[in-house]
PDB file of N, CA and C in Angstrom:
ATOM      1  N   MET A   1      63.977  35.215-154.629  1.00  0.00           N
ATOM      2  CA  MET A   1      63.084  36.480-154.812  1.00  0.00           C
ATOM      3  C   MET A   1      64.179  37.442-155.834  1.00  0.00           C
ATOM      4  N   ILE A   2      65.366  37.764-155.404  1.00  0.00           N
ATOM      5  CA  ILE A   2      66.058  38.670-156.169  1.00  0.00           C
ATOM      6  C   ILE A   2      66.233  38.207-157.543  1.00  0.00           C
ATOM      7  N   THR A   3      66.908  36.926-157.738  1.00  0.00           N
ATOM      8  CA  THR A   3      66.991  36.395-158.945  1.00  0.00           C
ATOM      9  C   THR A   3      65.833  36.029-159.882  1.00  0.00           C
ATOM     10  N   ASN A   4      64.697  35.544-159.147  1.00  0.00           N
ATOM     11  CA  ASN A   4      63.623  35.159-159.912  1.00  0.00           C
ATOM     12  C   ASN A   4      62.429  36.168-160.257  1.00  0.00           C
ATOM     13  N   PHE A   5      62.647  37.301-159.543  1.00  0.00           N
ATOM     14  CA  PHE A   5      61.540  38.332-159.631  1.00  0.00           C
ATOM     15  C   PHE A   5      62.251  39.785-159.655  1.00  0.00           C
ATOM     16  N   PHE A   6      62.844  40.141-158.707  1.00  0.00           N
ATOM     17  CA  PHE A   6      63.339  41.612-158.849  1.00  0.00           C
ATOM     18  C   PHE A   6      64.251  41.991-160.086  1.00  0.00           C
ATOM     19  N   ILE A   7      65.322  41.324-160.435  1.00  0.00           N
ATOM     20  CA  ILE A   7      66.219  41.529-161.449  1.00  0.00           C
ATOM     21  C   ILE A   7      65.564  41.505-162.785  1.00  0.00           C
ATOM     22  N   PRO A   8      64.655  40.295-162.970  1.00  0.00           N
ATOM     23  CA  PRO A   8      63.847  40.346-164.044  1.00  0.00           C
ATOM     24  C   PRO A   8      62.998  41.517-164.410  1.00  0.00           C
ATOM     25  N   GLU A   9      62.379  41.998-163.348  1.00  0.00           N
ATOM     26  CA  GLU A   9      61.444  43.173-163.303  1.00  0.00           C
ATOM     27  C   GLU A   9      62.176  44.273-163.800  1.00  0.00           C
ATOM     28  N   LEU A  10      63.586  44.542-163.317  1.00  0.00           N
ATOM     29  CA  LEU A  10      64.309  45.618-163.607  1.00  0.00           C
ATOM     30  C   LEU A  10      64.853  45.570-164.926  1.00  0.00           C
ATOM     31  N   ASN A  11      64.885  44.407-165.621  1.00  0.00           N
ATOM     32  CA  ASN A  11      65.488  44.348-166.926  1.00  0.00           C
ATOM     33  C   ASN A  11      64.256  44.520-167.811  1.00  0.00           C
ATOM     34  N   ASN A  12      62.990  44.041-167.452  1.00  0.00           N
ATOM     35  CA  ASN A  12      61.873  44.367-168.176  1.00  0.00           C
ATOM     36  C   ASN A  12      61.606  45.899-168.391  1.00  0.00           C
ATOM     37  N   ARG A  13      62.132  46.773-167.567  1.00  0.00           N
ATOM     38  CA  ARG A  13      61.747  48.099-167.358  1.00  0.00           C
ATOM     39  C   ARG A  13      62.997  48.893-168.093  1.00  0.00           C
ATOM     40  N   ASP A  14      63.973  48.077-168.452  1.00  0.00           N
ATOM     41  CA  ASP A  14      65.126  48.783-169.023  1.00  0.00           C
ATOM     42  C   ASP A  14      65.815  50.027-168.300  1.00  0.00           C
ATOM     43  N   VAL A  15      66.080  49.599-166.964  1.00  0.00           N
ATOM     44  CA  VAL A  15      66.315  50.641-165.960  1.00  0.00           C
ATOM     45  C   VAL A  15      67.973  50.233-165.852  1.00  0.00           C
ATOM     46  N   HIS A  16      68.892  51.273-166.169  1.00  0.00           N
ATOM     47  CA  HIS A  16      70.289  50.927-166.285  1.00  0.00           C
ATOM     48  C   HIS A  16      71.051  51.764-165.492  1.00  0.00           C
ATOM     49  N   GLU A  17      70.641  52.855-164.860  1.00  0.00           N
ATOM     50  CA  GLU A  17      71.269  53.715-163.925  1.00  0.00           C
ATOM     51  C   GLU A  17      70.538  53.705-162.686  1.00  0.00           C
ATOM     52  N   LEU A  18      69.953  52.891-162.241  1.00  0.00           N
ATOM     53  CA  LEU A  18      69.304  52.800-160.819  1.00  0.00           C
ATOM     54  C   LEU A  18      70.339  52.442-159.877  1.00  0.00           C
ATOM     55  N   TRP A  19      70.113  53.265-158.746  1.00  0.00           N
ATOM     56  CA  TRP A  19      70.862  52.992-157.575  1.00  0.00           C
ATOM     57  C   TRP A  19      69.995  52.147-156.697  1.00  0.00           C
ATOM     58  N   PHE A  20      70.679  51.105-155.997  1.00  0.00           N
ATOM     59  CA  PHE A  20      69.956  50.188-154.947  1.00  0.00           C
ATOM     60  C   PHE A  20      70.413  50.315-153.529  1.00  0.00           C
ATOM     61  N   GLN A  21      69.643  50.724-152.667  1.00  0.00           N
ATOM     62  CA  GLN A  21      70.008  51.057-151.420  1.00  0.00           C
ATOM     63  C   GLN A  21      69.310  49.994-150.469  1.00  0.00           C
ATOM     64  N   GLN A  22      70.215  49.164-149.589  1.00  0.00           N
ATOM     65  CA  GLN A  22      69.580  48.300-148.647  1.00  0.00           C
ATOM     66  C   GLN A  22      70.147  48.515-147.290  1.00  0.00           C
ATOM     67  N   TYR A  23      69.480  48.336-146.302  1.00  0.00           N
ATOM     68  CA  TYR A  23      69.817  48.506-145.070  1.00  0.00           C
ATOM     69  C   TYR A  23      70.582  47.360-144.466  1.00  0.00           C
ATOM     70  N   GLY A  24      71.175  47.333-143.182  1.00  0.00           N
ATOM     71  CA  GLY A  24      72.041  46.547-142.762  1.00  0.00           C
ATOM     72  C   GLY A  24      71.668  45.207-142.157  1.00  0.00           C
ATOM     73  N   ALA A  25      70.487  44.880-142.232  1.00  0.00           N
ATOM     74  CA  ALA A  25      70.091  43.554-141.625  1.00  0.00           C
ATOM     75  C   ALA A  25      70.970  42.362-141.963  1.00  0.00           C
ATOM     76  N   THR A  26      71.357  41.453-141.082  1.00  0.00           N
ATOM     77  CA  THR A  26      72.461  40.684-141.501  1.00  0.00           C
ATOM     78  C   THR A  26      71.865  39.473-142.533  1.00  0.00           C
ATOM     79  N   CYS A  27      70.464  39.375-142.548  1.00  0.00           N
ATOM     80  CA  CYS A  27      69.942  38.470-143.566  1.00  0.00           C
ATOM     81  C   CYS A  27      70.181  39.162-145.090  1.00  0.00           C
ATOM     82  N   HIS A  28      70.188  40.396-145.193  1.00  0.00           N
ATOM     83  CA  HIS A  28      70.301  41.134-146.496  1.00  0.00           C
ATOM     84  C   HIS A  28      71.669  41.241-146.987  1.00  0.00           C
ATOM     85  N   THR A  29      72.862  41.087-146.000  1.00  0.00           N
ATOM     86  CA  THR A  29      74.150  41.389-146.358  1.00  0.00           C
ATOM     87  C   THR A  29      74.845  39.999-146.251  1.00  0.00           C
ATOM     88  N   ALA A  30      74.211  38.836-146.580  1.00  0.00           N
ATOM     89  CA  ALA A  30      75.058  37.562-146.862  1.00  0.00           C
ATOM     90  C   ALA A  30      76.095  37.934-148.108  1.00  0.00           C
ATOM     91  N   ARG A  31      77.079  37.102-148.158  1.00  0.00           N
ATOM     92  CA  ARG A  31      78.145  37.275-149.094  1.00  0.00           C
ATOM     93  C   ARG A  31      77.479  37.039-150.588  1.00  0.00           C
ATOM     94  N   ALA A  32      76.662  35.890-150.625  1.00  0.00           N
ATOM     95  CA  ALA A  32      76.035  35.667-151.935  1.00  0.00           C
ATOM     96  C   ALA A  32      74.878  36.775-152.434  1.00  0.00           C
ATOM     97  N   THR A  33      74.137  37.387-151.366  1.00  0.00           N
ATOM     98  CA  THR A  33      73.481  38.447-151.783  1.00  0.00           C
ATOM     99  C   THR A  33      74.282  39.702-152.260  1.00  0.00           C
ATOM    100  N   ILE A  34      75.169  40.134-151.468  1.00  0.00           N
ATOM    101  CA  ILE A  34      76.137  41.293-151.780  1.00  0.00           C
ATOM    102  C   ILE A  34      76.784  40.961-153.189  1.00  0.00           C
ATOM    103  N   ASP A  35      77.101  39.812-153.416  1.00  0.00           N
ATOM    104  CA  ASP A  35      77.875  39.622-154.577  1.00  0.00           C
ATOM    105  C   ASP A  35      76.775  39.739-155.899  1.00  0.00           C
ATOM    106  N   LEU A  36      75.671  39.159-155.556  1.00  0.00           N
ATOM    107  CA  LEU A  36      74.676  39.345-156.756  1.00  0.00           C
ATOM    108  C   LEU A  36      74.347  40.782-156.776  1.00  0.00           C
ATOM    109  N   LEU A  37      74.146  41.697-155.853  1.00  0.00           N
ATOM    110  CA  LEU A  37      73.831  42.938-156.038  1.00  0.00           C
ATOM    111  C   LEU A  37      74.934  43.880-156.606  1.00  0.00           C
ATOM    112  N   LYS A  38      76.231  43.441-156.293  1.00  0.00           N
ATOM    113  CA  LYS A  38      77.282  44.157-156.888  1.00  0.00           C
ATOM    114  C   LYS A  38      77.299  43.849-158.419  1.00  0.00           C
ATOM    115  N   ASP A  39      77.202  42.537-158.878  1.00  0.00           N
ATOM    116  CA  ASP A  39      77.088  42.245-160.200  1.00  0.00           C
ATOM    117  C   ASP A  39      76.053  42.862-160.905  1.00  0.00           C
ATOM    118  N   THR A  40      74.834  43.048-160.361  1.00  0.00           N
ATOM    119  CA  THR A  40      73.734  43.927-160.904  1.00  0.00           C
ATOM    120  C   THR A  40      73.939  45.212-160.978  1.00  0.00           C
ATOM    121  N   PHE A  41      74.297  45.792-159.734  1.00  0.00           N
ATOM    122  CA  PHE A  41      74.265  47.463-159.796  1.00  0.00           C
ATOM    123  C   PHE A  41      75.612  48.030-159.928  1.00  0.00           C
ATOM    124  N   GLY A  42      76.806  47.223-159.719  1.00  0.00           N
ATOM    125  CA  GLY A  42      78.067  47.758-159.769  1.00  0.00           C
ATOM    126  C   GLY A  42      78.412  48.790-158.765  1.00  0.00           C
ATOM    127  N   GLU A  43      78.827  49.960-158.984  1.00  0.00           N
ATOM    128  CA  GLU A  43      79.241  51.272-158.110  1.00  0.00           C
ATOM    129  C   GLU A  43      77.879  51.655-157.460  1.00  0.00           C
ATOM    130  N   ARG A  44      76.617  51.355-158.014  1.00  0.00           N
ATOM    131  CA  ARG A  44      75.440  52.056-157.643  1.00  0.00           C
ATOM    132  C   ARG A  44      74.651  51.207-156.599  1.00  0.00           C
ATOM    133  N   LEU A  45      75.435  50.511-155.693  1.00  0.00           N
ATOM    134  CA  LEU A  45      74.969  49.928-154.638  1.00  0.00           C
ATOM    135  C   LEU A  45      75.227  50.425-153.334  1.00  0.00           C
ATOM    136  N   ILE A  46      74.401  50.833-152.318  1.00  0.00           N
ATOM    137  CA  ILE A  46      74.422  51.353-151.127  1.00  0.00           C
ATOM    138  C   ILE A  46      74.139  50.265-150.306  1.00  0.00           C
ATOM    139  N   SER A  47      75.146  49.787-149.474  1.00  0.00           N
ATOM    140  CA  SER A  47      74.807  48.725-148.523  1.00  0.00           C
ATOM    141  C   SER A  47      75.973  48.667-147.569  1.00  0.00           C
ATOM    142  N   ARG A  48      75.912  47.903-146.391  1.00  0.00           N
ATOM    143  CA  ARG A  48      76.880  47.681-145.457  1.00  0.00           C
ATOM    144  C   ARG A  48      78.218  47.230-146.103  1.00  0.00           C
ATOM    145  N   PHE A  49      78.164  46.211-146.966  1.00  0.00           N
ATOM    146  CA  PHE A  49      79.411  45.585-147.595  1.00  0.00           C
ATOM    147  C   PHE A  49      79.279  46.064-149.140  1.00  0.00           C
ATOM    148  N   GLY A  50      78.680  47.141-149.580  1.00  0.00           N
ATOM    149  CA  GLY A  50      78.718  47.422-150.912  1.00  0.00           C
ATOM    150  C   GLY A  50      79.702  48.546-151.150  1.00  0.00           C
ATOM    151  N   PRO A  51      79.954  48.949-152.265  1.00  0.00           N
ATOM    152  CA  PRO A  51      80.897  49.987-152.699  1.00  0.00           C
ATOM    153  C   PRO A  51      80.569  51.247-152.132  1.00  0.00           C
ATOM    154  N   VAL A  52      79.308  51.771-151.701  1.00  0.00           N
ATOM    155  CA  VAL A  52      78.959  52.863-151.165  1.00  0.00           C
ATOM    156  C   VAL A  52      78.323  52.391-149.809  1.00  0.00           C
ATOM    157  N   ASN A  53      79.062  53.001-148.619  1.00  0.00           N
ATOM    158  CA  ASN A  53      78.569  52.268-147.400  1.00  0.00           C
ATOM    159  C   ASN A  53      77.201  52.922-147.191  1.00  0.00           C
ATOM    160  N   TRP A  54      76.457  52.122-146.510  1.00  0.00           N
ATOM    161  CA  TRP A  54      74.894  52.460-146.186  1.00  0.00           C
ATOM    162  C   TRP A  54      75.059  53.311-144.771  1.00  0.00           C
ATOM    163  N   PRO A  55      74.456  54.512-144.904  1.00  0.00           N
ATOM    164  CA  PRO A  55      74.497  55.391-143.641  1.00  0.00           C
ATOM    165  C   PRO A  55      73.309  55.170-142.723  1.00  0.00           C
ATOM    166  N   PRO A  56      73.505  54.344-141.735  1.00  0.00           N
ATOM    167  CA  PRO A  56      72.244  54.024-140.882  1.00  0.00           C
ATOM    168  C   PRO A  56      71.760  55.478-140.330  1.00  0.00           C
ATOM    169  N   ARG A  57      70.449  55.309-140.040  1.00  0.00           N
ATOM    170  CA  ARG A  57      69.553  56.488-139.665  1.00  0.00           C
ATOM    171  C   ARG A  57      69.814  57.829-140.281  1.00  0.00           C
ATOM    172  N   SER A  58      70.138  57.718-141.788  1.00  0.00           N
ATOM    173  CA  SER A  58      70.349  59.011-142.513  1.00  0.00           C
ATOM    174  C   SER A  58      68.845  59.538-142.552  1.00  0.00           C
ATOM    175  N   CYS A  59      68.761  60.779-142.513  1.00  0.00           N
ATOM    176  CA  CYS A  59      67.538  61.493-142.423  1.00  0.00           C
ATOM    177  C   CYS A  59      67.021  61.602-143.882  1.00  0.00           C
ATOM    178  N   ASP A  60      67.833  61.602-144.886  1.00  0.00           N
ATOM    179  CA  ASP A  60      67.497  61.748-146.310  1.00  0.00           C
ATOM    180  C   ASP A  60      67.423  60.550-146.975  1.00  0.00           C
ATOM    181  N   LEU A  61      68.066  59.401-146.540  1.00  0.00           N
ATOM    182  CA  LEU A  61      68.051  58.229-147.416  1.00  0.00           C
ATOM    183  C   LEU A  61      67.057  57.262-146.652  1.00  0.00           C
ATOM    184  N   THR A  62      67.001  57.355-145.323  1.00  0.00           N
ATOM    185  CA  THR A  62      66.075  56.229-144.518  1.00  0.00           C
ATOM    186  C   THR A  62      65.188  57.097-143.652  1.00  0.00           C
ATOM    187  N   PRO A  63      64.125  57.875-144.278  1.00  0.00           N
ATOM    188  CA  PRO A  63      63.506  58.962-143.325  1.00  0.00           C
ATOM    189  C   PRO A  63      62.573  58.124-142.266  1.00  0.00           C
ATOM    190  N   LEU A  64      62.136  56.987-142.496  1.00  0.00           N
ATOM    191  CA  LEU A  64      61.409  56.121-141.567  1.00  0.00           C
ATOM    192  C   LEU A  64      62.307  55.770-140.424  1.00  0.00           C
ATOM    193  N   ASP A  65      63.421  55.338-140.665  1.00  0.00           N
ATOM    194  CA  ASP A  65      64.385  54.975-139.625  1.00  0.00           C
ATOM    195  C   ASP A  65      64.752  56.075-138.811  1.00  0.00           C
ATOM    196  N   TYR A  66      64.853  57.314-139.333  1.00  0.00           N
ATOM    197  CA  TYR A  66      65.361  58.584-138.810  1.00  0.00           C
ATOM    198  C   TYR A  66      64.305  58.986-137.770  1.00  0.00           C
ATOM    199  N   PHE A  67      63.143  58.939-138.223  1.00  0.00           N
ATOM    200  CA  PHE A  67      61.971  59.771-137.410  1.00  0.00           C
ATOM    201  C   PHE A  67      60.886  58.563-136.996  1.00  0.00           C
ATOM    202  N   LEU A  68      60.195  58.139-138.024  1.00  0.00           N
ATOM    203  CA  LEU A  68      58.974  57.443-137.712  1.00  0.00           C
ATOM    204  C   LEU A  68      59.151  56.213-136.542  1.00  0.00           C
ATOM    205  N   TRP A  69      60.151  55.329-136.929  1.00  0.00           N
ATOM    206  CA  TRP A  69      60.075  53.968-136.070  1.00  0.00           C
ATOM    207  C   TRP A  69      60.304  54.254-134.604  1.00  0.00           C
ATOM    208  N   GLY A  70      61.133  55.448-134.352  1.00  0.00           N
ATOM    209  CA  GLY A  70      61.489  55.731-132.891  1.00  0.00           C
ATOM    210  C   GLY A  70      60.253  56.512-132.237  1.00  0.00           C
ATOM    211  N   SER A  71      59.526  57.075-133.075  1.00  0.00           N
ATOM    212  CA  SER A  71      58.414  57.961-132.561  1.00  0.00           C
ATOM    213  C   SER A  71      57.350  56.785-132.381  1.00  0.00           C
ATOM    214  N   VAL A  72      57.101  55.754-133.197  1.00  0.00           N
ATOM    215  CA  VAL A  72      56.209  54.756-133.005  1.00  0.00           C
ATOM    216  C   VAL A  72      56.473  53.919-131.753  1.00  0.00           C
ATOM    217  N   LYS A  73      57.797  53.496-131.699  1.00  0.00           N
ATOM    218  CA  LYS A  73      58.029  52.749-130.512  1.00  0.00           C
ATOM    219  C   LYS A  73      57.848  53.341-129.212  1.00  0.00           C
ATOM    220  N   SER A  74      58.103  54.851-129.237  1.00  0.00           N
ATOM    221  CA  SER A  74      57.873  55.433-127.855  1.00  0.00           C
ATOM    222  C   SER A  74      56.387  55.489-127.459  1.00  0.00           C
ATOM    223  N   LEU A  75      55.679  55.888-128.482  1.00  0.00           N
ATOM    224  CA  LEU A  75      54.048  55.730-128.126  1.00  0.00           C
ATOM    225  C   LEU A  75      53.634  54.330-127.887  1.00  0.00           C
ATOM    226  N   VAL A  76      54.134  53.340-128.520  1.00  0.00           N
ATOM    227  CA  VAL A  76      53.535  52.022-128.213  1.00  0.00           C
ATOM    228  C   VAL A  76      53.948  51.587-126.796  1.00  0.00           C
ATOM    229  N   TYR A  77      55.064  52.003-126.328  1.00  0.00           N
ATOM    230  CA  TYR A  77      55.562  51.581-125.084  1.00  0.00           C
ATOM    231  C   TYR A  77      54.974  52.526-124.038  1.00  0.00           C
ATOM    232  N   ALA A  78      54.542  53.636-124.309  1.00  0.00           N
ATOM    233  CA  ALA A  78      54.337  54.613-123.346  1.00  0.00           C
ATOM    234  C   ALA A  78      53.564  54.172-122.051  1.00  0.00           C
ATOM    235  N   ASP A  79      52.549  53.351-122.338  1.00  0.00           N
ATOM    236  CA  ASP A  79      51.790  52.801-121.097  1.00  0.00           C
ATOM    237  C   ASP A  79      52.441  51.483-120.584  1.00  0.00           C
ATOM    238  N   LYS A  80      53.472  51.017-121.113  1.00  0.00           N
ATOM    239  CA  LYS A  80      54.286  49.984-120.581  1.00  0.00           C
ATOM    240  C   LYS A  80      53.429  48.609-120.703  1.00  0.00           C
ATOM    241  N   PRO A  81      52.989  48.243-121.916  1.00  0.00           N
ATOM    242  CA  PRO A  81      52.070  47.116-122.021  1.00  0.00           C
ATOM    243  C   PRO A  81      52.557  45.756-121.365  1.00  0.00           C
ATOM    244  N   GLN A  82      51.754  45.020-120.729  1.00  0.00           N
ATOM    245  CA  GLN A  82      52.164  43.914-119.810  1.00  0.00           C
ATOM    246  C   GLN A  82      52.034  42.624-120.616  1.00  0.00           C
ATOM    247  N   THR A  83      51.009  42.647-121.504  1.00  0.00           N
ATOM    248  CA  THR A  83      50.607  41.227-122.316  1.00  0.00           C
ATOM    249  C   THR A  83      50.755  41.601-123.739  1.00  0.00           C
ATOM    250  N   LEU A  84      50.927  40.494-124.555  1.00  0.00           N
ATOM    251  CA  LEU A  84      50.972  40.517-125.890  1.00  0.00           C
ATOM    252  C   LEU A  84      49.890  41.162-126.738  1.00  0.00           C
ATOM    253  N   ASP A  85      48.738  40.958-126.182  1.00  0.00           N
ATOM    254  CA  ASP A  85      47.484  41.274-126.716  1.00  0.00           C
ATOM    255  C   ASP A  85      47.403  43.036-126.533  1.00  0.00           C
ATOM    256  N   HIS A  86      47.967  43.486-125.380  1.00  0.00           N
ATOM    257  CA  HIS A  86      48.031  44.897-125.080  1.00  0.00           C
ATOM    258  C   HIS A  86      48.885  45.543-125.983  1.00  0.00           C
ATOM    259  N   LEU A  87      50.199  45.018-126.159  1.00  0.00           N
ATOM    260  CA  LEU A  87      51.304  45.445-126.991  1.00  0.00           C
ATOM    261  C   LEU A  87      50.705  45.600-128.484  1.00  0.00           C
ATOM    262  N   GLU A  88      50.146  44.476-128.813  1.00  0.00           N
ATOM    263  CA  GLU A  88      49.461  44.389-130.264  1.00  0.00           C
ATOM    264  C   GLU A  88      48.363  45.520-130.492  1.00  0.00           C
ATOM    265  N   ASP A  89      47.621  45.757-129.568  1.00  0.00           N
ATOM    266  CA  ASP A  89      46.704  46.964-129.742  1.00  0.00           C
ATOM    267  C   ASP A  89      47.350  48.299-129.772  1.00  0.00           C
ATOM    268  N   ASN A  90      48.219  48.367-128.877  1.00  0.00           N
ATOM    269  CA  ASN A  90      49.023  49.629-129.048  1.00  0.00           C
ATOM    270  C   ASN A  90      49.610  49.853-130.353  1.00  0.00           C
ATOM    271  N   ILE A  91      50.174  48.802-130.860  1.00  0.00           N
ATOM    272  CA  ILE A  91      50.994  48.863-132.206  1.00  0.00           C
ATOM    273  C   ILE A  91      49.774  49.392-133.313  1.00  0.00           C
ATOM    274  N   ARG A  92      48.740  48.544-133.105  1.00  0.00           N
ATOM    275  CA  ARG A  92      47.688  48.886-134.268  1.00  0.00           C
ATOM    276  C   ARG A  92      47.146  50.266-133.978  1.00  0.00           C
ATOM    277  N   ARG A  93      46.905  50.714-132.839  1.00  0.00           N
ATOM    278  CA  ARG A  93      46.333  52.171-132.632  1.00  0.00           C
ATOM    279  C   ARG A  93      47.456  53.231-132.955  1.00  0.00           C
ATOM    280  N   VAL A  94      48.715  53.115-132.647  1.00  0.00           N
ATOM    281  CA  VAL A  94      49.653  54.046-133.095  1.00  0.00           C
ATOM    282  C   VAL A  94      49.915  54.077-134.620  1.00  0.00           C
ATOM    283  N   ILE A  95      49.984  52.947-135.294  1.00  0.00           N
ATOM    284  CA  ILE A  95      49.972  52.941-136.628  1.00  0.00           C
ATOM    285  C   ILE A  95      48.811  53.641-137.421  1.00  0.00           C
ATOM    286  N   ALA A  96      47.505  53.254-136.875  1.00  0.00           N
ATOM    287  CA  ALA A  96      46.259  53.842-137.532  1.00  0.00           C
ATOM    288  C   ALA A  96      46.309  55.345-137.421  1.00  0.00           C
ATOM    289  N   ASP A  97      46.832  55.984-136.213  1.00  0.00           N
ATOM    290  CA  ASP A  97      46.986  57.393-135.952  1.00  0.00           C
ATOM    291  C   ASP A  97      48.054  58.181-136.817  1.00  0.00           C
ATOM    292  N   ILE A  98      48.755  57.396-137.464  1.00  0.00           N
ATOM    293  CA  ILE A  98      49.985  58.105-138.337  1.00  0.00           C
ATOM    294  C   ILE A  98      49.198  58.850-139.548  1.00  0.00           C
ATOM    295  N   ARG A  99      49.521  60.202-139.546  1.00  0.00           N
ATOM    296  CA  ARG A  99      48.829  61.065-140.464  1.00  0.00           C
ATOM    297  C   ARG A  99      49.856  61.366-141.479  1.00  0.00           C
ATOM    298  N   PRO A 100      49.410  61.683-142.870  1.00  0.00           N
ATOM    299  CA  PRO A 100      50.518  62.028-143.855  1.00  0.00           C
ATOM    300  C   PRO A 100      51.314  63.082-143.310  1.00  0.00           C
ATOM    301  N   GLN A 101      50.682  64.135-142.651  1.00  0.00           N
ATOM    302  CA  GLN A 101      51.607  65.342-142.420  1.00  0.00           C
ATOM    303  C   GLN A 101      52.740  64.750-141.516  1.00  0.00           C
ATOM    304  N   MET A 102      52.949  63.706-140.760  1.00  0.00           N
ATOM    305  CA  MET A 102      53.704  63.233-140.186  1.00  0.00           C
ATOM    306  C   MET A 102      55.043  62.673-140.919  1.00  0.00           C
ATOM    307  N   LEU A 103      54.509  62.211-141.974  1.00  0.00           N
ATOM    308  CA  LEU A 103      55.493  61.683-142.999  1.00  0.00           C
ATOM    309  C   LEU A 103      56.288  62.603-143.872  1.00  0.00           C
TER     310      LEU A 103
END
């Protein structure tokens, strides 16, 4: 995905000063992935193993992590769903109730 789509799209757009930020999920921080991103972005990489350390739960860099997902989780589990169907219904309801003002 990165080599076949993402990087060619960046090259097509002539973006040379773009910063790339990635969160710390293990699958996204494999050595091959980090090496490829370092080659592409140099010092403009924000990542767990990049030149600029990824700040987890940063309110300005990852606002959804800072507020939204915690809020969604607390609302989804408020009535302690006991079945997968109940959990899925709660997720759909809570996500549907998100208003632009919350974001």
